């Protein structure tokens, strides 16, 4: 079966390698960068991301939406969350109700909607699933045992994704909470920024664990308030991904927070944002606005927003944790 991946970032490549384990699959990655596609055709390598990784013959790259989507049986959306709406609008002329899986994490910033809602309304389909969980791209590439939660709008789409993506090193566990899975994957990036800030300020692992524990309660309340299920916090997309993202410099969100806490230098902070895709930064603004719009008060989110976006003293984060009711 032909499987299309929209996006050629590190995570797209990790997922492509997982899908390519089934030799009968032919994986076509789409990129907006013609030079990357041309270089791949010549070298059959992703030199700018994983130069040492051997790419199987059943993975190819194109910069054409039409070629990417022609005769495909499954589509993965793995672009930055802020581009999902644009990508969906661009593929609409070639889209034929093909089952989709969203692996991007975040909230669409113009509509303040979960990505599944953007895809559903733009492409007029219910053939949608989402995956989220504690998986760094490099760990997928290295075939480390890993796990993802999957939820969807119909069982057929969920089963198709599981049949092609789950393998000897990647476990997929089904959830019935498509909203909660997406919110977990979004909010954990915000908390990872806060964890990085604490690390940058020189606070211990105990203080970071303090943050993680407190944030679990807030995440659970946000999920419930926005239409998800509280127990989803216990899924791979919840606790699992939160622990991973809040404790590793492999996370760009955590590393971004570290820059804020360790330098407090606006130029260095802006430079990091310029050179790295920090999903948590964009999600922070979206979640903050969404909570305000719905009249939901989550002081931790407000504080992180004020530190990251308004220049409030990062040390207020530790003080807040101690004084939090």
C-alpha atoms as a PDB file:
ATOM      1  CA  UNK A   1       0.000   0.000   0.000  1.00  0.00           C
ATOM      2  CA  UNK A   2       1.129   3.527  -0.718  1.00  0.00           C
ATOM      3  CA  UNK A   3       1.287   5.707   2.393  1.00  0.00           C
ATOM      4  CA  UNK A   4       1.783   9.469   2.213  1.00  0.00           C
ATOM      5  CA  UNK A   5       3.471  11.560   4.890  1.00  0.00           C
ATOM      6  CA  UNK A   6       2.984  15.313   4.631  1.00  0.00           C
ATOM      7  CA  UNK A   7       6.132  16.770   6.164  1.00  0.00           C
ATOM      8  CA  UNK A   8       9.826  15.869   6.184  1.00  0.00           C
ATOM      9  CA  UNK A   9      10.955  16.852   9.656  1.00  0.00           C
ATOM     10  CA  UNK A  10      12.758  14.480  12.000  1.00  0.00           C
ATOM     11  CA  UNK A  11       9.522  12.988  13.358  1.00  0.00           C
ATOM     12  CA  UNK A  12       8.174  12.427   9.831  1.00  0.00           C
ATOM     13  CA  UNK A  13      11.298  10.435   9.034  1.00  0.00           C
ATOM     14  CA  UNK A  14      10.965   8.436  12.260  1.00  0.00           C
ATOM     15  CA  UNK A  15       7.361   7.515  11.420  1.00  0.00           C
ATOM     16  CA  UNK A  16       8.330   6.747   7.821  1.00  0.00           C
ATOM     17  CA  UNK A  17      10.945   4.273   9.018  1.00  0.00           C
ATOM     18  CA  UNK A  18       8.368   2.584  11.251  1.00  0.00           C
ATOM     19  CA  UNK A  19       5.913   2.276   8.347  1.00  0.00           C
ATOM     20  CA  UNK A  20       8.650   1.053   6.020  1.00  0.00           C
ATOM     21  CA  UNK A  21       9.222  -2.017   8.196  1.00  0.00           C
ATOM     22  CA  UNK A  22       6.287  -3.530   6.324  1.00  0.00           C
ATOM     23  CA  UNK A  23       8.042  -4.288   3.049  1.00  0.00           C
ATOM     24  CA  UNK A  24       4.770  -4.167   1.103  1.00  0.00           C
ATOM     25  CA  UNK A  25       4.353  -0.482   2.036  1.00  0.00           C
ATOM     26  CA  UNK A  26       5.627   2.283  -0.224  1.00  0.00           C
ATOM     27  CA  UNK A  27       6.154   5.512   1.713  1.00  0.00           C
ATOM     28  CA  UNK A  28       6.002   8.872  -0.062  1.00  0.00           C
ATOM     29  CA  UNK A  29       7.051  11.918   1.959  1.00  0.00           C
ATOM     30  CA  UNK A  30       5.991  15.363   0.759  1.00  0.00           C
ATOM     31  CA  UNK A  31       8.215  18.381   1.315  1.00  0.00           C
ATOM     32  CA  UNK A  32       7.707  22.038   0.434  1.00  0.00           C
ATOM     33  CA  UNK A  33      11.457  22.245  -0.270  1.00  0.00           C
ATOM     34  CA  UNK A  34      12.320  21.251  -3.891  1.00  0.00           C
ATOM     35  CA  UNK A  35      16.046  21.171  -3.032  1.00  0.00           C
ATOM     36  CA  UNK A  36      15.465  18.570  -0.316  1.00  0.00           C
ATOM     37  CA  UNK A  37      13.437  16.422  -2.715  1.00  0.00           C
ATOM     38  CA  UNK A  38      16.099  16.738  -5.412  1.00  0.00           C
ATOM     39  CA  UNK A  39      18.908  15.915  -2.975  1.00  0.00           C
ATOM     40  CA  UNK A  40      17.027  12.849  -1.745  1.00  0.00           C
ATOM     41  CA  UNK A  41      16.501  11.602  -5.299  1.00  0.00           C
ATOM     42  CA  UNK A  42      20.248  11.869  -5.912  1.00  0.00           C
ATOM     43  CA  UNK A  43      21.564  10.543  -2.579  1.00  0.00           C
ATOM     44  CA  UNK A  44      18.603   8.643  -1.056  1.00  0.00           C
ATOM     45  CA  UNK A  45      19.578  10.239   2.244  1.00  0.00           C
ATOM     46  CA  UNK A  46      18.269  12.915   4.604  1.00  0.00           C
ATOM     47  CA  UNK A  47      21.657  14.564   4.923  1.00  0.00           C
ATOM     48  CA  UNK A  48      20.407  17.627   6.798  1.00  0.00           C
ATOM     49  CA  UNK A  49      18.625  15.593   9.509  1.00  0.00           C
ATOM     50  CA  UNK A  50      19.901  12.013   9.772  1.00  0.00           C
ATOM     51  CA  UNK A  51      22.946  11.803   7.460  1.00  0.00           C
ATOM     52  CA  UNK A  52      24.129   8.454   8.842  1.00  0.00           C
ATOM     53  CA  UNK A  53      20.762   6.687   8.659  1.00  0.00           C
ATOM     54  CA  UNK A  54      20.240   4.134   5.904  1.00  0.00           C
ATOM     55  CA  UNK A  55      16.923   4.856   4.174  1.00  0.00           C
ATOM     56  CA  UNK A  56      15.025   1.783   2.903  1.00  0.00           C
ATOM     57  CA  UNK A  57      14.222   1.580  -0.804  1.00  0.00           C
ATOM     58  CA  UNK A  58      10.473   1.791  -0.108  1.00  0.00           C
ATOM     59  CA  UNK A  59      10.763   5.431   1.068  1.00  0.00           C
ATOM     60  CA  UNK A  60      10.673   8.237  -1.494  1.00  0.00           C
ATOM     61  CA  UNK A  61      10.282  12.057  -1.435  1.00  0.00           C
ATOM     62  CA  UNK A  62       8.389  14.522  -3.625  1.00  0.00           C
ATOM     63  CA  UNK A  63       7.591  18.224  -3.555  1.00  0.00           C
ATOM     64  CA  UNK A  64       4.338  17.695  -5.472  1.00  0.00           C
ATOM     65  CA  UNK A  65       1.026  17.392  -3.606  1.00  0.00           C
ATOM     66  CA  UNK A  66      -0.472  15.647  -6.621  1.00  0.00           C
ATOM     67  CA  UNK A  67       2.245  12.969  -6.752  1.00  0.00           C
ATOM     68  CA  UNK A  68       2.189  12.546  -2.996  1.00  0.00           C
ATOM     69  CA  UNK A  69      -1.547  11.899  -2.860  1.00  0.00           C
ATOM     70  CA  UNK A  70      -2.121   9.962  -6.078  1.00  0.00           C
ATOM     71  CA  UNK A  71      -3.393   6.424  -5.328  1.00  0.00           C
ATOM     72  CA  UNK A  72      -2.440   6.666  -1.646  1.00  0.00           C
ATOM     73  CA  UNK A  73      -4.229   4.493   0.905  1.00  0.00           C
ATOM     74  CA  UNK A  74      -3.282   6.352   4.091  1.00  0.00           C
ATOM     75  CA  UNK A  75      -2.099   9.887   4.883  1.00  0.00           C
ATOM     76  CA  UNK A  76      -0.054  11.086   7.858  1.00  0.00           C
ATOM     77  CA  UNK A  77      -0.087  14.792   8.702  1.00  0.00           C
ATOM     78  CA  UNK A  78       3.213  15.621  10.415  1.00  0.00           C
ATOM     79  CA  UNK A  79       3.819  19.320   9.844  1.00  0.00           C
ATOM     80  CA  UNK A  80       4.055  22.057  12.433  1.00  0.00           C
ATOM     81  CA  UNK A  81       0.602  22.617  13.936  1.00  0.00           C
ATOM     82  CA  UNK A  82       0.483  26.204  12.679  1.00  0.00           C
ATOM     83  CA  UNK A  83       0.655  24.958   9.060  1.00  0.00           C
ATOM     84  CA  UNK A  84      -2.020  22.250   9.279  1.00  0.00           C
ATOM     85  CA  UNK A  85      -4.848  24.472   7.987  1.00  0.00           C
ATOM     86  CA  UNK A  86      -2.744  25.662   5.053  1.00  0.00           C
ATOM     87  CA  UNK A  87      -1.673  22.129   4.159  1.00  0.00           C
ATOM     88  CA  UNK A  88      -5.267  20.871   4.274  1.00  0.00           C
ATOM     89  CA  UNK A  89      -6.383  23.685   1.987  1.00  0.00           C
ATOM     90  CA  UNK A  90      -3.569  22.848  -0.429  1.00  0.00           C
ATOM     91  CA  UNK A  91      -4.327  19.127  -0.636  1.00  0.00           C
ATOM     92  CA  UNK A  92      -8.096  19.590  -1.004  1.00  0.00           C
ATOM     93  CA  UNK A  93      -8.038  19.359  -4.841  1.00  0.00           C
ATOM     94  CA  UNK A  94      -6.302  15.958  -4.621  1.00  0.00           C
ATOM     95  CA  UNK A  95      -7.935  14.524  -1.517  1.00  0.00           C
ATOM     96  CA  UNK A  96     -10.357  11.584  -1.945  1.00  0.00           C
ATOM     97  CA  UNK A  97     -11.601  10.823   1.585  1.00  0.00           C
ATOM     98  CA  UNK A  98      -8.452   8.792   2.257  1.00  0.00           C
ATOM     99  CA  UNK A  99      -7.955   7.824   5.939  1.00  0.00           C
ATOM    100  CA  UNK A 100      -5.750  10.321   7.783  1.00  0.00           C
ATOM    101  CA  UNK A 101      -3.575  10.178  10.880  1.00  0.00           C
ATOM    102  CA  UNK A 102      -2.521  13.411  12.600  1.00  0.00           C
ATOM    103  CA  UNK A 103       0.853  13.175  14.359  1.00  0.00           C
ATOM    104  CA  UNK A 104       1.320  16.944  14.731  1.00  0.00           C
ATOM    105  CA  UNK A 105       0.846  18.346  18.244  1.00  0.00           C
ATOM    106  CA  UNK A 106      -0.769  21.662  19.025  1.00  0.00           C
ATOM    107  CA  UNK A 107      -3.825  23.871  18.676  1.00  0.00           C
ATOM    108  CA  UNK A 108      -4.601  25.729  15.447  1.00  0.00           C
ATOM    109  CA  UNK A 109      -3.757  29.324  16.344  1.00  0.00           C
ATOM    110  CA  UNK A 110      -6.322  31.221  14.252  1.00  0.00           C
ATOM    111  CA  UNK A 111      -9.401  29.179  15.161  1.00  0.00           C
ATOM    112  CA  UNK A 112      -8.193  27.881  18.570  1.00  0.00           C
ATOM    113  CA  UNK A 113      -9.394  24.421  17.537  1.00  0.00           C
ATOM    114  CA  UNK A 114      -7.917  20.930  17.948  1.00  0.00           C
ATOM    115  CA  UNK A 115      -6.187  19.817  14.765  1.00  0.00           C
ATOM    116  CA  UNK A 116      -8.727  17.038  14.187  1.00  0.00           C
ATOM    117  CA  UNK A 117     -11.469  19.672  13.933  1.00  0.00           C
ATOM    118  CA  UNK A 118      -9.454  21.660  11.378  1.00  0.00           C
ATOM    119  CA  UNK A 119      -8.897  18.558   9.257  1.00  0.00           C
ATOM    120  CA  UNK A 120     -12.514  17.422   9.576  1.00  0.00           C
ATOM    121  CA  UNK A 121     -14.030  20.739   8.515  1.00  0.00           C
ATOM    122  CA  UNK A 122     -11.485  21.578   5.798  1.00  0.00           C
ATOM    123  CA  UNK A 123     -11.418  18.167   4.111  1.00  0.00           C
ATOM    124  CA  UNK A 124     -15.030  17.224   4.945  1.00  0.00           C
ATOM    125  CA  UNK A 125     -14.120  13.786   6.294  1.00  0.00           C
ATOM    126  CA  UNK A 126     -14.538  11.644   9.392  1.00  0.00           C
ATOM    127  CA  UNK A 127     -11.714   9.310   8.349  1.00  0.00           C
ATOM    128  CA  UNK A 128      -9.434  10.842  10.961  1.00  0.00           C
ATOM    129  CA  UNK A 129      -7.177   9.469  13.690  1.00  0.00           C
ATOM    130  CA  UNK A 130      -4.547  11.027  15.937  1.00  0.00           C
ATOM    131  CA  UNK A 131      -1.416   9.604  17.546  1.00  0.00           C
ATOM    132  CA  UNK A 132       0.521  10.986  20.493  1.00  0.00           C
ATOM    133  CA  UNK A 133       2.939   9.632  23.058  1.00  0.00           C
ATOM    134  CA  UNK A 134       6.466   9.534  24.490  1.00  0.00           C
ATOM    135  CA  UNK A 135       8.487   9.169  21.295  1.00  0.00           C
ATOM    136  CA  UNK A 136      11.476  11.242  20.202  1.00  0.00           C
ATOM    137  CA  UNK A 137      12.256  10.948  16.507  1.00  0.00           C
ATOM    138  CA  UNK A 138      15.804   9.767  17.120  1.00  0.00           C
ATOM    139  CA  UNK A 139      14.546   6.925  19.314  1.00  0.00           C
ATOM    140  CA  UNK A 140      12.203   5.739  16.559  1.00  0.00           C
ATOM    141  CA  UNK A 141      15.074   5.937  14.084  1.00  0.00           C
ATOM    142  CA  UNK A 142      17.225   3.850  16.437  1.00  0.00           C
ATOM    143  CA  UNK A 143      14.470   1.241  16.872  1.00  0.00           C
ATOM    144  CA  UNK A 144      14.167   1.797  20.620  1.00  0.00           C
ATOM    145  CA  UNK A 145      10.985   0.295  22.153  1.00  0.00           C
ATOM    146  CA  UNK A 146       8.356   3.059  22.227  1.00  0.00           C
ATOM    147  CA  UNK A 147       4.605   3.555  22.530  1.00  0.00           C
ATOM    148  CA  UNK A 148       1.842   5.816  21.235  1.00  0.00           C
ATOM    149  CA  UNK A 149      -1.805   6.385  22.065  1.00  0.00           C
ATOM    150  CA  UNK A 150      -4.189   6.412  19.109  1.00  0.00           C
ATOM    151  CA  UNK A 151      -7.740   7.741  18.913  1.00  0.00           C
ATOM    152  CA  UNK A 152     -10.039   8.450  16.015  1.00  0.00           C
ATOM    153  CA  UNK A 153     -13.465   9.246  14.626  1.00  0.00           C
ATOM    154  CA  UNK A 154     -13.998   5.717  13.312  1.00  0.00           C
ATOM    155  CA  UNK A 155     -12.612   2.240  13.976  1.00  0.00           C
ATOM    156  CA  UNK A 156     -11.699   1.573  10.342  1.00  0.00           C
ATOM    157  CA  UNK A 157      -9.178   4.414  10.298  1.00  0.00           C
ATOM    158  CA  UNK A 158      -7.737   3.467  13.683  1.00  0.00           C
ATOM    159  CA  UNK A 159      -7.307  -0.155  12.614  1.00  0.00           C
ATOM    160  CA  UNK A 160      -5.651   0.818   9.336  1.00  0.00           C
ATOM    161  CA  UNK A 161      -3.078   2.955  11.161  1.00  0.00           C
ATOM    162  CA  UNK A 162      -2.376   0.240  13.727  1.00  0.00           C
ATOM    163  CA  UNK A 163      -1.958  -2.444  11.057  1.00  0.00           C
ATOM    164  CA  UNK A 164       0.678  -0.401   9.255  1.00  0.00           C
ATOM    165  CA  UNK A 165       2.449   1.480  12.051  1.00  0.00           C
ATOM    166  CA  UNK A 166       2.620  -0.899  15.033  1.00  0.00           C
ATOM    167  CA  UNK A 167       5.576  -3.277  14.836  1.00  0.00           C
ATOM    168  CA  UNK A 168       8.179  -5.139  16.886  1.00  0.00           C
ATOM    169  CA  UNK A 169       9.462  -1.902  18.505  1.00  0.00           C
ATOM    170  CA  UNK A 170       6.402   0.394  18.414  1.00  0.00           C
ATOM    171  CA  UNK A 171       3.242  -0.230  20.459  1.00  0.00           C
ATOM    172  CA  UNK A 172      -0.076   1.530  19.778  1.00  0.00           C
ATOM    173  CA  UNK A 173      -2.825   1.565  22.410  1.00  0.00           C
ATOM    174  CA  UNK A 174      -6.335   2.694  21.492  1.00  0.00           C
ATOM    175  CA  UNK A 175      -8.093   5.503  23.356  1.00  0.00           C
ATOM    176  CA  UNK A 176     -11.700   6.626  22.926  1.00  0.00           C
ATOM    177  CA  UNK A 177     -10.822  10.242  23.697  1.00  0.00           C
ATOM    178  CA  UNK A 178      -9.648  12.039  20.562  1.00  0.00           C
ATOM    179  CA  UNK A 179      -9.946  15.454  22.252  1.00  0.00           C
ATOM    180  CA  UNK A 180      -8.045  14.423  25.381  1.00  0.00           C
ATOM    181  CA  UNK A 181      -5.241  12.754  23.410  1.00  0.00           C
ATOM    182  CA  UNK A 182      -4.683  15.951  21.412  1.00  0.00           C
ATOM    183  CA  UNK A 183      -4.831  18.201  24.469  1.00  0.00           C
ATOM    184  CA  UNK A 184      -2.293  16.022  26.289  1.00  0.00           C
ATOM    185  CA  UNK A 185       0.065  16.227  23.348  1.00  0.00           C
ATOM    186  CA  UNK A 186      -0.360  19.998  23.204  1.00  0.00           C
ATOM    187  CA  UNK A 187      -0.206  20.995  26.864  1.00  0.00           C
ATOM    188  CA  UNK A 188       2.777  18.803  27.721  1.00  0.00           C
ATOM    189  CA  UNK A 189       4.890  20.979  25.411  1.00  0.00           C
ATOM    190  CA  UNK A 190       3.950  24.026  27.492  1.00  0.00           C
ATOM    191  CA  UNK A 191       4.879  22.273  30.727  1.00  0.00           C
ATOM    192  CA  UNK A 192       8.163  21.167  29.140  1.00  0.00           C
ATOM    193  CA  UNK A 193       9.048  24.828  28.602  1.00  0.00           C
ATOM    194  CA  UNK A 194       8.418  25.452  32.307  1.00  0.00           C
ATOM    195  CA  UNK A 195      10.540  22.425  33.259  1.00  0.00           C
ATOM    196  CA  UNK A 196      13.354  23.779  31.109  1.00  0.00           C
ATOM    197  CA  UNK A 197      13.049  27.174  32.773  1.00  0.00           C
ATOM    198  CA  UNK A 198      13.480  25.579  36.202  1.00  0.00           C
ATOM    199  CA  UNK A 199      16.511  23.637  34.978  1.00  0.00           C
ATOM    200  CA  UNK A 200      17.987  26.793  33.480  1.00  0.00           C
ATOM    201  CA  UNK A 201      17.512  28.604  36.779  1.00  0.00           C
ATOM    202  CA  UNK A 202      19.500  25.859  38.500  1.00  0.00           C
ATOM    203  CA  UNK A 203      16.678  24.149  40.365  1.00  0.00           C
ATOM    204  CA  UNK A 204      16.956  20.455  41.167  1.00  0.00           C
ATOM    205  CA  UNK A 205      15.193  17.401  39.778  1.00  0.00           C
ATOM    206  CA  UNK A 206      13.000  17.507  42.886  1.00  0.00           C
ATOM    207  CA  UNK A 207      11.647  20.913  41.874  1.00  0.00           C
ATOM    208  CA  UNK A 208      11.067  19.733  38.320  1.00  0.00           C
ATOM    209  CA  UNK A 209       9.173  16.688  39.635  1.00  0.00           C
ATOM    210  CA  UNK A 210       7.159  19.102  41.793  1.00  0.00           C
ATOM    211  CA  UNK A 211       6.169  20.959  38.609  1.00  0.00           C
ATOM    212  CA  UNK A 212       5.271  17.782  36.748  1.00  0.00           C
ATOM    213  CA  UNK A 213       3.072  16.543  39.582  1.00  0.00           C
ATOM    214  CA  UNK A 214       1.210  19.846  39.871  1.00  0.00           C
ATOM    215  CA  UNK A 215       0.807  20.148  36.121  1.00  0.00           C
ATOM    216  CA  UNK A 216      -0.873  16.737  35.917  1.00  0.00           C
ATOM    217  CA  UNK A 217      -3.779  18.067  37.972  1.00  0.00           C
ATOM    218  CA  UNK A 218      -4.062  21.136  35.746  1.00  0.00           C
ATOM    219  CA  UNK A 219      -3.869  19.091  32.550  1.00  0.00           C
ATOM    220  CA  UNK A 220      -6.610  16.805  33.807  1.00  0.00           C
ATOM    221  CA  UNK A 221      -8.838  19.797  34.584  1.00  0.00           C
ATOM    222  CA  UNK A 222      -8.194  21.413  31.199  1.00  0.00           C
ATOM    223  CA  UNK A 223      -8.965  18.166  29.349  1.00  0.00           C
ATOM    224  CA  UNK A 224     -12.248  17.760  31.209  1.00  0.00           C
ATOM    225  CA  UNK A 225     -13.248  21.412  30.773  1.00  0.00           C
ATOM    226  CA  UNK A 226     -12.635  21.250  27.026  1.00  0.00           C
ATOM    227  CA  UNK A 227     -14.639  18.078  26.446  1.00  0.00           C
ATOM    228  CA  UNK A 228     -12.159  15.272  27.039  1.00  0.00           C
ATOM    229  CA  UNK A 229     -11.943  12.552  29.692  1.00  0.00           C
ATOM    230  CA  UNK A 230      -9.923  13.011  32.879  1.00  0.00           C
ATOM    231  CA  UNK A 231      -8.501   9.479  32.762  1.00  0.00           C
ATOM    232  CA  UNK A 232      -6.780  10.230  29.449  1.00  0.00           C
ATOM    233  CA  UNK A 233      -4.028  11.871  31.508  1.00  0.00           C
ATOM    234  CA  UNK A 234      -2.929   8.302  32.372  1.00  0.00           C
ATOM    235  CA  UNK A 235      -2.440   7.344  28.705  1.00  0.00           C
ATOM    236  CA  UNK A 236       0.824   7.266  26.750  1.00  0.00           C
ATOM    237  CA  UNK A 237      -0.145  10.732  25.490  1.00  0.00           C
ATOM    238  CA  UNK A 238      -0.495  12.009  29.053  1.00  0.00           C
ATOM    239  CA  UNK A 239       1.868  10.959  31.831  1.00  0.00           C
ATOM    240  CA  UNK A 240       4.219   9.131  29.475  1.00  0.00           C
ATOM    241  CA  UNK A 241       4.796  12.014  27.087  1.00  0.00           C
ATOM    242  CA  UNK A 242       4.854  14.590  29.887  1.00  0.00           C
ATOM    243  CA  UNK A 243       7.644  12.754  31.730  1.00  0.00           C
ATOM    244  CA  UNK A 244       9.693  12.366  28.557  1.00  0.00           C
ATOM    245  CA  UNK A 245       9.330  15.916  27.292  1.00  0.00           C
ATOM    246  CA  UNK A 246       9.922  17.530  30.692  1.00  0.00           C
ATOM    247  CA  UNK A 247      13.145  15.699  31.414  1.00  0.00           C
ATOM    248  CA  UNK A 248      15.258  15.650  28.265  1.00  0.00           C
ATOM    249  CA  UNK A 249      17.313  18.160  26.306  1.00  0.00           C
ATOM    250  CA  UNK A 250      16.218  16.248  23.184  1.00  0.00           C
ATOM    251  CA  UNK A 251      12.971  18.203  23.578  1.00  0.00           C
ATOM    252  CA  UNK A 252      13.147  21.583  21.853  1.00  0.00           C
ATOM    253  CA  UNK A 253      10.456  22.840  24.220  1.00  0.00           C
ATOM    254  CA  UNK A 254      12.543  21.891  27.257  1.00  0.00           C
ATOM    255  CA  UNK A 255      15.663  23.351  25.647  1.00  0.00           C
ATOM    256  CA  UNK A 256      13.821  26.581  24.837  1.00  0.00           C
ATOM    257  CA  UNK A 257      12.780  26.890  28.478  1.00  0.00           C
ATOM    258  CA  UNK A 258      16.372  26.267  29.525  1.00  0.00           C
ATOM    259  CA  UNK A 259      17.495  29.231  27.406  1.00  0.00           C
ATOM    260  CA  UNK A 260      14.883  31.441  29.092  1.00  0.00           C
ATOM    261  CA  UNK A 261      15.877  30.339  32.600  1.00  0.00           C
ATOM    262  CA  UNK A 262      19.635  30.315  32.119  1.00  0.00           C
ATOM    263  CA  UNK A 263      20.131  33.489  30.083  1.00  0.00           C
ATOM    264  CA  UNK A 264      17.078  35.730  30.545  1.00  0.00           C
ATOM    265  CA  UNK A 265      18.468  37.328  27.369  1.00  0.00           C
ATOM    266  CA  UNK A 266      15.775  38.325  24.849  1.00  0.00           C
ATOM    267  CA  UNK A 267      18.192  38.180  21.919  1.00  0.00           C
ATOM    268  CA  UNK A 268      19.250  34.604  22.705  1.00  0.00           C
ATOM    269  CA  UNK A 269      15.623  33.613  23.264  1.00  0.00           C
ATOM    270  CA  UNK A 270      14.589  35.084  19.902  1.00  0.00           C
ATOM    271  CA  UNK A 271      17.564  33.438  18.221  1.00  0.00           C
ATOM    272  CA  UNK A 272      16.530  30.014  19.557  1.00  0.00           C
ATOM    273  CA  UNK A 273      12.966  30.518  18.281  1.00  0.00           C
ATOM    274  CA  UNK A 274      14.305  31.596  14.910  1.00  0.00           C
ATOM    275  CA  UNK A 275      16.444  28.479  14.489  1.00  0.00           C
ATOM    276  CA  UNK A 276      14.133  25.869  16.042  1.00  0.00           C
ATOM    277  CA  UNK A 277      10.502  24.843  15.740  1.00  0.00           C
ATOM    278  CA  UNK A 278       9.189  25.143  19.304  1.00  0.00           C
ATOM    279  CA  UNK A 279       5.616  23.840  19.175  1.00  0.00           C
ATOM    280  CA  UNK A 280       5.062  24.676  22.837  1.00  0.00           C
ATOM    281  CA  UNK A 281       5.662  28.373  22.195  1.00  0.00           C
ATOM    282  CA  UNK A 282       2.860  28.573  19.625  1.00  0.00           C
ATOM    283  CA  UNK A 283       0.626  26.228  21.598  1.00  0.00           C
ATOM    284  CA  UNK A 284       1.083  28.336  24.723  1.00  0.00           C
ATOM    285  CA  UNK A 285      -0.498  31.347  23.041  1.00  0.00           C
ATOM    286  CA  UNK A 286      -3.331  29.234  21.640  1.00  0.00           C
ATOM    287  CA  UNK A 287      -4.127  27.428  24.891  1.00  0.00           C
ATOM    288  CA  UNK A 288      -3.924  30.684  26.864  1.00  0.00           C
ATOM    289  CA  UNK A 289      -6.394  32.378  24.501  1.00  0.00           C
ATOM    290  CA  UNK A 290      -8.656  29.320  24.436  1.00  0.00           C
ATOM    291  CA  UNK A 291      -8.871  29.183  28.232  1.00  0.00           C
ATOM    292  CA  UNK A 292      -9.549  32.908  28.427  1.00  0.00           C
ATOM    293  CA  UNK A 293     -12.263  32.654  25.783  1.00  0.00           C
ATOM    294  CA  UNK A 294     -14.009  29.880  27.692  1.00  0.00           C
ATOM    295  CA  UNK A 295     -13.545  31.536  31.090  1.00  0.00           C
ATOM    296  CA  UNK A 296     -11.358  28.732  32.463  1.00  0.00           C
ATOM    297  CA  UNK A 297      -8.761  29.835  35.018  1.00  0.00           C
ATOM    298  CA  UNK A 298      -5.540  27.816  35.122  1.00  0.00           C
ATOM    299  CA  UNK A 299      -2.997  29.956  37.028  1.00  0.00           C
ATOM    300  CA  UNK A 300      -0.004  27.804  36.020  1.00  0.00           C
ATOM    301  CA  UNK A 301      -0.700  28.321  32.310  1.00  0.00           C
ATOM    302  CA  UNK A 302      -1.185  32.052  32.895  1.00  0.00           C
ATOM    303  CA  UNK A 303       2.140  32.293  34.707  1.00  0.00           C
ATOM    304  CA  UNK A 304       4.063  30.376  32.036  1.00  0.00           C
ATOM    305  CA  UNK A 305       2.478  32.620  29.407  1.00  0.00           C
ATOM    306  CA  UNK A 306       3.483  35.744  31.292  1.00  0.00           C
ATOM    307  CA  UNK A 307       7.074  34.523  31.713  1.00  0.00           C
ATOM    308  CA  UNK A 308       7.509  33.421  28.101  1.00  0.00           C
ATOM    309  CA  UNK A 309       5.498  36.086  26.309  1.00  0.00           C
ATOM    310  CA  UNK A 310       5.520  39.088  28.625  1.00  0.00           C
ATOM    311  CA  UNK A 311       8.932  38.883  30.256  1.00  0.00           C
ATOM    312  CA  UNK A 312       7.809  38.159  33.813  1.00  0.00           C
ATOM    313  CA  UNK A 313      10.590  37.028  36.169  1.00  0.00           C
ATOM    314  CA  UNK A 314      11.188  33.271  35.625  1.00  0.00           C
ATOM    315  CA  UNK A 315      11.944  32.832  39.342  1.00  0.00           C
ATOM    316  CA  UNK A 316       8.253  33.420  40.016  1.00  0.00           C
ATOM    317  CA  UNK A 317       7.630  29.884  38.784  1.00  0.00           C
ATOM    318  CA  UNK A 318       9.240  28.226  41.817  1.00  0.00           C
ATOM    319  CA  UNK A 319       7.526  30.668  44.170  1.00  0.00           C
ATOM    320  CA  UNK A 320       4.200  29.882  42.532  1.00  0.00           C
ATOM    321  CA  UNK A 321       4.619  26.151  43.048  1.00  0.00           C
ATOM    322  CA  UNK A 322       5.211  26.606  46.777  1.00  0.00           C
ATOM    323  CA  UNK A 323       2.227  28.911  47.206  1.00  0.00           C
ATOM    324  CA  UNK A 324      -0.176  27.048  44.925  1.00  0.00           C
ATOM    325  CA  UNK A 325      -3.229  25.825  46.785  1.00  0.00           C
END
